[in-house]
N, C-alpha and C. Protein backbone atom coordinates (compact mmCIF):
# COMPACT_ATOMS: atom_id res chain seq x y z
N MET A 1 -35.15 49.69 61.53
CA MET A 1 -34.53 49.50 60.24
C MET A 1 -33.38 48.51 60.38
N ARG A 2 -33.28 47.63 59.43
CA ARG A 2 -32.28 46.58 59.46
C ARG A 2 -30.98 47.07 58.83
N LYS A 3 -29.89 46.78 59.52
CA LYS A 3 -28.59 47.16 58.98
C LYS A 3 -28.15 46.12 57.96
N SER A 4 -27.50 46.58 56.92
CA SER A 4 -27.00 45.62 55.93
C SER A 4 -25.72 44.99 56.46
N ARG A 5 -25.58 43.73 56.20
CA ARG A 5 -24.38 43.01 56.63
C ARG A 5 -23.41 42.98 55.46
N PRO A 6 -22.17 43.35 55.70
CA PRO A 6 -21.21 43.41 54.59
C PRO A 6 -20.89 42.06 53.97
N HIS A 7 -21.01 40.98 54.73
CA HIS A 7 -20.64 39.66 54.21
C HIS A 7 -21.84 38.76 54.05
N ALA A 8 -23.03 39.33 53.90
CA ALA A 8 -24.25 38.53 53.88
C ALA A 8 -24.28 37.53 52.74
N GLY A 9 -23.76 37.87 51.58
CA GLY A 9 -23.84 36.97 50.43
C GLY A 9 -22.51 36.33 50.07
N ARG A 10 -21.61 36.24 51.05
CA ARG A 10 -20.28 35.74 50.71
C ARG A 10 -20.33 34.27 50.30
N THR A 11 -19.45 33.92 49.41
CA THR A 11 -19.42 32.55 48.91
C THR A 11 -18.24 31.77 49.48
N ALA A 12 -17.21 32.46 49.91
CA ALA A 12 -16.04 31.76 50.45
C ALA A 12 -16.37 31.24 51.85
N PRO A 13 -15.99 30.00 52.14
CA PRO A 13 -16.26 29.47 53.48
C PRO A 13 -15.41 30.16 54.54
N GLY A 14 -15.98 30.27 55.73
CA GLY A 14 -15.27 30.89 56.84
C GLY A 14 -14.24 29.94 57.42
N GLN A 15 -13.43 30.47 58.33
CA GLN A 15 -12.37 29.67 58.95
C GLN A 15 -12.94 28.48 59.70
N ARG A 16 -14.05 28.68 60.41
CA ARG A 16 -14.64 27.57 61.17
C ARG A 16 -15.15 26.48 60.23
N GLN A 17 -15.78 26.90 59.14
CA GLN A 17 -16.26 25.91 58.16
C GLN A 17 -15.11 25.07 57.64
N LEU A 18 -14.02 25.70 57.31
CA LEU A 18 -12.87 24.98 56.77
C LEU A 18 -12.30 24.01 57.81
N ARG A 19 -12.23 24.46 59.06
CA ARG A 19 -11.68 23.62 60.12
C ARG A 19 -12.57 22.40 60.37
N VAL A 20 -13.89 22.62 60.44
CA VAL A 20 -14.83 21.52 60.67
C VAL A 20 -14.83 20.56 59.48
N ALA A 21 -14.79 21.10 58.27
CA ALA A 21 -14.77 20.26 57.07
C ALA A 21 -13.54 19.37 57.05
N GLU A 22 -12.40 19.92 57.41
CA GLU A 22 -11.16 19.13 57.42
C GLU A 22 -11.21 18.07 58.52
N GLN A 23 -11.80 18.40 59.66
CA GLN A 23 -11.94 17.42 60.73
C GLN A 23 -12.84 16.27 60.27
N ILE A 24 -13.92 16.59 59.59
CA ILE A 24 -14.83 15.56 59.07
C ILE A 24 -14.09 14.68 58.07
N ARG A 25 -13.30 15.29 57.20
CA ARG A 25 -12.55 14.52 56.20
C ARG A 25 -11.63 13.52 56.89
N HIS A 26 -10.90 13.97 57.89
CA HIS A 26 -9.98 13.07 58.61
C HIS A 26 -10.74 11.93 59.29
N LEU A 27 -11.88 12.24 59.90
CA LEU A 27 -12.65 11.21 60.59
C LEU A 27 -13.27 10.21 59.61
N LEU A 28 -13.69 10.70 58.44
CA LEU A 28 -14.21 9.79 57.42
C LEU A 28 -13.13 8.83 56.93
N VAL A 29 -11.94 9.36 56.70
CA VAL A 29 -10.82 8.52 56.26
C VAL A 29 -10.51 7.47 57.31
N GLU A 30 -10.48 7.89 58.56
CA GLU A 30 -10.20 6.96 59.66
C GLU A 30 -11.27 5.86 59.71
N THR A 31 -12.52 6.23 59.57
CA THR A 31 -13.62 5.26 59.60
C THR A 31 -13.55 4.31 58.42
N LEU A 32 -13.23 4.82 57.24
CA LEU A 32 -13.12 3.97 56.06
C LEU A 32 -11.97 2.97 56.21
N HIS A 33 -10.86 3.41 56.77
CA HIS A 33 -9.71 2.52 56.92
C HIS A 33 -9.94 1.45 57.97
N ARG A 34 -10.74 1.76 58.97
CA ARG A 34 -11.05 0.76 59.99
C ARG A 34 -11.86 -0.37 59.39
N GLY A 35 -12.78 -0.03 58.46
CA GLY A 35 -13.49 -1.04 57.68
C GLY A 35 -14.45 -1.93 58.42
N SER A 36 -15.14 -1.45 59.43
CA SER A 36 -16.11 -2.29 60.15
C SER A 36 -17.52 -2.01 59.61
N PHE A 37 -17.78 -2.54 58.40
CA PHE A 37 -19.05 -2.31 57.72
C PHE A 37 -19.79 -3.62 57.51
N HIS A 38 -21.10 -3.51 57.37
CA HIS A 38 -21.92 -4.67 57.03
C HIS A 38 -22.12 -4.77 55.52
N ASP A 39 -21.97 -3.65 54.84
CA ASP A 39 -22.17 -3.60 53.39
C ASP A 39 -20.94 -4.20 52.70
N PRO A 40 -21.12 -5.24 51.87
CA PRO A 40 -19.97 -5.87 51.21
C PRO A 40 -19.18 -4.93 50.30
N VAL A 41 -19.86 -3.95 49.72
CA VAL A 41 -19.16 -2.99 48.86
C VAL A 41 -18.18 -2.16 49.69
N LEU A 42 -18.60 -1.80 50.89
CA LEU A 42 -17.77 -0.95 51.73
C LEU A 42 -16.63 -1.70 52.42
N LEU A 43 -16.65 -3.01 52.35
CA LEU A 43 -15.52 -3.76 52.90
C LEU A 43 -14.23 -3.44 52.14
N GLU A 44 -14.40 -3.00 50.90
CA GLU A 44 -13.25 -2.57 50.09
C GLU A 44 -13.10 -1.05 50.15
N ALA A 45 -13.76 -0.41 51.11
CA ALA A 45 -13.77 1.05 51.18
C ALA A 45 -12.43 1.64 51.57
N HIS A 46 -11.52 0.83 52.08
CA HIS A 46 -10.19 1.37 52.38
C HIS A 46 -9.49 1.81 51.10
N ARG A 47 -10.06 1.44 49.98
CA ARG A 47 -9.51 1.86 48.68
C ARG A 47 -10.19 3.12 48.16
N VAL A 48 -10.93 3.80 49.02
CA VAL A 48 -11.62 5.03 48.64
C VAL A 48 -10.86 6.22 49.21
N THR A 49 -10.63 7.21 48.37
CA THR A 49 -9.97 8.43 48.80
C THR A 49 -11.01 9.51 49.05
N VAL A 50 -10.97 10.12 50.20
CA VAL A 50 -11.83 11.28 50.49
C VAL A 50 -10.99 12.50 50.16
N THR A 51 -11.30 13.14 49.04
CA THR A 51 -10.46 14.24 48.55
C THR A 51 -10.78 15.56 49.21
N ALA A 52 -12.04 15.79 49.54
CA ALA A 52 -12.43 17.07 50.14
C ALA A 52 -13.78 16.93 50.79
N VAL A 53 -14.04 17.84 51.72
CA VAL A 53 -15.36 17.94 52.34
C VAL A 53 -15.74 19.41 52.33
N GLU A 54 -16.94 19.70 51.87
CA GLU A 54 -17.48 21.05 51.93
C GLU A 54 -18.64 21.04 52.90
N ILE A 55 -18.74 22.08 53.70
CA ILE A 55 -19.81 22.13 54.70
C ILE A 55 -20.52 23.47 54.59
N GLY A 56 -21.83 23.45 54.80
CA GLY A 56 -22.63 24.66 54.71
C GLY A 56 -22.34 25.61 55.86
N PRO A 57 -22.74 26.87 55.71
CA PRO A 57 -22.47 27.87 56.74
C PRO A 57 -23.12 27.55 58.09
N ASP A 58 -24.23 26.79 58.07
CA ASP A 58 -24.88 26.43 59.33
C ASP A 58 -24.28 25.17 59.95
N LEU A 59 -23.31 24.56 59.29
CA LEU A 59 -22.61 23.35 59.73
C LEU A 59 -23.55 22.15 59.90
N LYS A 60 -24.66 22.15 59.18
CA LYS A 60 -25.62 21.05 59.31
C LYS A 60 -25.59 20.10 58.12
N HIS A 61 -25.00 20.52 57.02
CA HIS A 61 -24.94 19.68 55.81
C HIS A 61 -23.52 19.69 55.28
N ALA A 62 -23.02 18.49 55.01
CA ALA A 62 -21.66 18.36 54.47
C ALA A 62 -21.69 17.49 53.22
N THR A 63 -20.84 17.83 52.27
CA THR A 63 -20.68 17.03 51.07
C THR A 63 -19.24 16.53 51.05
N ALA A 64 -19.11 15.21 51.02
CA ALA A 64 -17.78 14.59 50.98
C ALA A 64 -17.52 14.13 49.55
N TYR A 65 -16.42 14.59 48.97
CA TYR A 65 -16.04 14.20 47.62
C TYR A 65 -15.08 13.03 47.71
N VAL A 66 -15.42 11.95 47.02
CA VAL A 66 -14.65 10.71 47.11
C VAL A 66 -14.27 10.22 45.72
N MET A 67 -13.22 9.38 45.69
CA MET A 67 -12.80 8.74 44.45
C MET A 67 -12.28 7.36 44.79
N PRO A 68 -12.94 6.31 44.27
CA PRO A 68 -12.41 4.96 44.47
C PRO A 68 -11.07 4.81 43.76
N LEU A 69 -10.19 4.03 44.34
CA LEU A 69 -8.87 3.81 43.78
C LEU A 69 -9.00 3.23 42.37
N GLY A 70 -8.35 3.86 41.43
CA GLY A 70 -8.41 3.40 40.05
C GLY A 70 -9.66 3.87 39.33
N GLY A 71 -10.55 4.56 40.01
CA GLY A 71 -11.78 5.05 39.39
C GLY A 71 -12.76 3.96 39.01
N LYS A 72 -12.63 2.78 39.63
CA LYS A 72 -13.51 1.66 39.28
C LYS A 72 -14.70 1.60 40.22
N ASP A 73 -15.81 1.09 39.72
CA ASP A 73 -17.04 0.89 40.50
C ASP A 73 -17.47 2.16 41.23
N THR A 74 -17.38 3.30 40.56
CA THR A 74 -17.68 4.56 41.23
C THR A 74 -19.14 4.65 41.66
N GLU A 75 -20.05 4.30 40.79
CA GLU A 75 -21.47 4.43 41.13
C GLU A 75 -21.87 3.47 42.24
N GLU A 76 -21.38 2.25 42.18
CA GLU A 76 -21.69 1.26 43.21
C GLU A 76 -21.14 1.69 44.57
N THR A 77 -19.92 2.20 44.57
CA THR A 77 -19.31 2.67 45.81
C THR A 77 -20.05 3.89 46.35
N LEU A 78 -20.40 4.80 45.45
CA LEU A 78 -21.12 6.00 45.86
C LEU A 78 -22.47 5.65 46.49
N ASP A 79 -23.20 4.73 45.87
CA ASP A 79 -24.49 4.30 46.43
C ASP A 79 -24.30 3.69 47.81
N ALA A 80 -23.29 2.86 47.98
CA ALA A 80 -23.04 2.23 49.28
C ALA A 80 -22.67 3.26 50.34
N LEU A 81 -21.86 4.24 49.96
CA LEU A 81 -21.48 5.29 50.92
C LEU A 81 -22.70 6.10 51.35
N ASN A 82 -23.54 6.47 50.39
CA ASN A 82 -24.73 7.25 50.73
C ASN A 82 -25.72 6.44 51.56
N ARG A 83 -25.81 5.13 51.30
CA ARG A 83 -26.67 4.28 52.14
C ARG A 83 -26.16 4.22 53.57
N SER A 84 -24.86 4.33 53.73
CA SER A 84 -24.24 4.22 55.06
C SER A 84 -23.96 5.58 55.69
N ALA A 85 -24.54 6.63 55.16
CA ALA A 85 -24.29 7.98 55.67
C ALA A 85 -24.64 8.10 57.15
N GLY A 86 -25.71 7.44 57.57
CA GLY A 86 -26.10 7.46 58.99
C GLY A 86 -25.05 6.83 59.88
N TYR A 87 -24.45 5.75 59.41
CA TYR A 87 -23.38 5.09 60.16
C TYR A 87 -22.19 6.04 60.33
N PHE A 88 -21.81 6.71 59.24
CA PHE A 88 -20.68 7.64 59.32
C PHE A 88 -20.99 8.77 60.29
N ARG A 89 -22.22 9.24 60.24
CA ARG A 89 -22.65 10.31 61.14
C ARG A 89 -22.54 9.86 62.60
N SER A 90 -22.95 8.64 62.87
CA SER A 90 -22.87 8.13 64.25
C SER A 90 -21.41 7.94 64.69
N GLU A 91 -20.53 7.67 63.74
CA GLU A 91 -19.10 7.55 64.07
C GLU A 91 -18.48 8.92 64.35
N LEU A 92 -18.99 9.96 63.69
CA LEU A 92 -18.46 11.30 63.89
C LEU A 92 -18.91 11.90 65.22
N ALA A 93 -20.14 11.58 65.63
CA ALA A 93 -20.77 12.25 66.77
C ALA A 93 -19.91 12.29 68.04
N PRO A 94 -19.37 11.17 68.51
CA PRO A 94 -18.61 11.25 69.76
C PRO A 94 -17.25 11.94 69.62
N LYS A 95 -16.80 12.15 68.39
CA LYS A 95 -15.46 12.70 68.17
C LYS A 95 -15.47 14.18 67.81
N MET A 96 -16.68 14.76 67.67
CA MET A 96 -16.78 16.16 67.26
C MET A 96 -17.50 16.95 68.34
N ASP A 97 -17.03 18.14 68.56
CA ASP A 97 -17.63 19.02 69.56
C ASP A 97 -18.56 20.01 68.86
N LEU A 98 -19.66 19.49 68.34
CA LEU A 98 -20.65 20.32 67.65
C LEU A 98 -22.02 20.05 68.23
N ARG A 99 -22.87 21.06 68.18
CA ARG A 99 -24.24 20.87 68.65
C ARG A 99 -24.99 19.91 67.73
N TYR A 100 -24.81 20.09 66.43
CA TYR A 100 -25.45 19.22 65.44
C TYR A 100 -24.37 18.55 64.60
N ILE A 101 -24.47 17.27 64.45
CA ILE A 101 -23.54 16.55 63.57
C ILE A 101 -24.10 16.67 62.16
N PRO A 102 -23.30 17.12 61.20
CA PRO A 102 -23.81 17.36 59.85
C PRO A 102 -24.30 16.09 59.15
N ARG A 103 -25.32 16.26 58.33
CA ARG A 103 -25.77 15.18 57.44
C ARG A 103 -24.77 15.13 56.29
N ILE A 104 -24.31 13.94 55.98
CA ILE A 104 -23.26 13.80 54.98
C ILE A 104 -23.83 13.23 53.69
N THR A 105 -23.49 13.87 52.60
CA THR A 105 -23.81 13.39 51.27
C THR A 105 -22.49 13.12 50.57
N PHE A 106 -22.39 11.98 49.94
CA PHE A 106 -21.16 11.62 49.22
C PHE A 106 -21.36 11.87 47.73
N LYS A 107 -20.34 12.45 47.10
CA LYS A 107 -20.34 12.68 45.66
C LYS A 107 -18.99 12.27 45.10
N ILE A 108 -19.00 11.87 43.83
CA ILE A 108 -17.75 11.53 43.15
C ILE A 108 -16.99 12.81 42.83
N ASP A 109 -15.70 12.81 43.11
CA ASP A 109 -14.86 13.96 42.83
C ASP A 109 -14.47 13.93 41.35
N ARG A 110 -14.93 14.91 40.62
CA ARG A 110 -14.66 14.99 39.18
C ARG A 110 -13.45 15.87 38.87
N SER A 111 -12.77 16.37 39.88
CA SER A 111 -11.64 17.28 39.63
C SER A 111 -10.49 16.57 38.93
N PHE A 112 -10.32 15.26 39.17
CA PHE A 112 -9.26 14.52 38.48
C PHE A 112 -9.55 14.43 36.98
N ASP A 113 -10.81 14.22 36.63
CA ASP A 113 -11.21 14.18 35.22
C ASP A 113 -10.98 15.53 34.57
N GLU A 114 -11.32 16.60 35.28
CA GLU A 114 -11.15 17.95 34.76
C GLU A 114 -9.67 18.28 34.57
N ALA A 115 -8.84 17.88 35.52
CA ALA A 115 -7.40 18.12 35.41
C ALA A 115 -6.81 17.38 34.21
N GLU A 116 -7.26 16.15 34.00
CA GLU A 116 -6.79 15.37 32.86
C GLU A 116 -7.22 16.00 31.54
N ARG A 117 -8.45 16.52 31.51
CA ARG A 117 -8.96 17.17 30.30
C ARG A 117 -8.12 18.41 29.98
N ILE A 118 -7.80 19.20 30.98
CA ILE A 118 -6.99 20.40 30.77
C ILE A 118 -5.58 20.03 30.33
N GLU A 119 -5.02 19.00 30.94
CA GLU A 119 -3.68 18.55 30.56
C GLU A 119 -3.66 18.11 29.10
N ASN A 120 -4.68 17.39 28.67
CA ASN A 120 -4.75 16.95 27.28
C ASN A 120 -4.90 18.13 26.34
N LEU A 121 -5.65 19.15 26.75
CA LEU A 121 -5.77 20.35 25.93
C LEU A 121 -4.41 21.05 25.78
N LEU A 122 -3.66 21.12 26.87
CA LEU A 122 -2.37 21.80 26.82
C LEU A 122 -1.35 21.04 25.98
N LYS A 123 -1.54 19.76 25.79
CA LYS A 123 -0.62 18.95 24.98
C LYS A 123 -0.89 19.09 23.48
N GLN A 124 -2.01 19.66 23.10
CA GLN A 124 -2.33 19.80 21.68
C GLN A 124 -1.34 20.76 21.03
N ASP A 125 -0.96 20.47 19.78
CA ASP A 125 0.03 21.28 19.07
C ASP A 125 -0.39 22.75 18.97
N ARG A 126 -1.65 22.97 18.66
CA ARG A 126 -2.15 24.33 18.48
C ARG A 126 -1.97 25.15 19.77
N VAL A 127 -2.30 24.56 20.88
CA VAL A 127 -2.19 25.25 22.17
C VAL A 127 -0.73 25.42 22.55
N ARG A 128 0.08 24.40 22.32
CA ARG A 128 1.50 24.47 22.66
C ARG A 128 2.18 25.61 21.90
N ARG A 129 1.84 25.78 20.62
CA ARG A 129 2.43 26.88 19.84
C ARG A 129 2.07 28.23 20.46
N ASP A 130 0.81 28.39 20.86
CA ASP A 130 0.39 29.66 21.47
C ASP A 130 1.12 29.91 22.78
N VAL A 131 1.31 28.89 23.57
CA VAL A 131 2.00 29.05 24.85
C VAL A 131 3.46 29.40 24.61
N GLU A 132 4.10 28.76 23.63
CA GLU A 132 5.50 29.04 23.34
C GLU A 132 5.67 30.47 22.85
N LYS A 133 4.73 30.98 22.06
CA LYS A 133 4.80 32.37 21.59
C LYS A 133 4.77 33.34 22.77
N LYS A 134 3.92 33.08 23.72
CA LYS A 134 3.78 33.98 24.86
C LYS A 134 4.97 33.89 25.80
N GLU A 135 5.68 32.77 25.80
CA GLU A 135 6.83 32.61 26.69
C GLU A 135 8.07 33.30 26.16
N ARG A 136 8.14 33.57 24.84
CA ARG A 136 9.30 34.26 24.29
C ARG A 136 9.29 35.71 24.74
N PRO A 137 10.46 36.25 25.09
CA PRO A 137 10.53 37.67 25.48
C PRO A 137 10.11 38.57 24.32
N LEU A 138 9.60 39.74 24.63
CA LEU A 138 9.11 40.66 23.61
C LEU A 138 10.22 41.14 22.69
N HIS A 139 11.43 41.35 23.19
CA HIS A 139 12.51 41.88 22.35
C HIS A 139 12.92 40.88 21.27
N GLU A 140 12.71 39.59 21.47
CA GLU A 140 13.02 38.60 20.43
C GLU A 140 12.07 38.75 19.26
N GLU A 141 10.81 39.03 19.54
CA GLU A 141 9.82 39.17 18.47
C GLU A 141 10.07 40.44 17.67
N ASP A 142 10.61 41.50 18.32
CA ASP A 142 10.86 42.76 17.63
C ASP A 142 12.02 42.63 16.65
N GLU A 143 13.00 41.75 16.92
CA GLU A 143 14.17 41.60 16.08
C GLU A 143 13.85 40.89 14.78
N THR A 144 12.77 40.11 14.71
CA THR A 144 12.47 39.35 13.51
C THR A 144 11.71 40.13 12.50
C-alpha cells in the first residue's frame, strides 16, 4: 500500500527551486550584458530586464520573465530570445552544478502592466472615497 505524501500537490516552490531559479536569473543577466550574440535583435539585449525565473520541481524546465527597456519591441525581442534559448543553455551549463541544465522559455513579464492597472483603479474617485471611509476611525463615524 502506498503512503500518501503530505506535500504531493504543493504549489509553492521549494527552497532549492528558488535558489536555482535565482542563479539562472543572475547568469541570464550576465550573459545578456556581455552581448556576444549573432542575432542583431539581441545585440541590444543589454536593454532587457530579467525580472524573474520560475523553474519546475524537476529542475528541467525554466521560464524566464523579461521586459525590454521602455516596453518597446517586446514581441521581436521575445522571439529572438526564444530562438537563442539553446545558446543561453550552453552558457549556463559550465556555471551550474546540476545534472540537467533546464530548458529555458522566455515570456514577457506582464506584472508591470497589472501593477499600472491596479494603480489606475486606485486613483479613481469612487475607489478613493471607499478607501478614505475605511481609513477613518470607527469612533468618528459614530459621532456624526
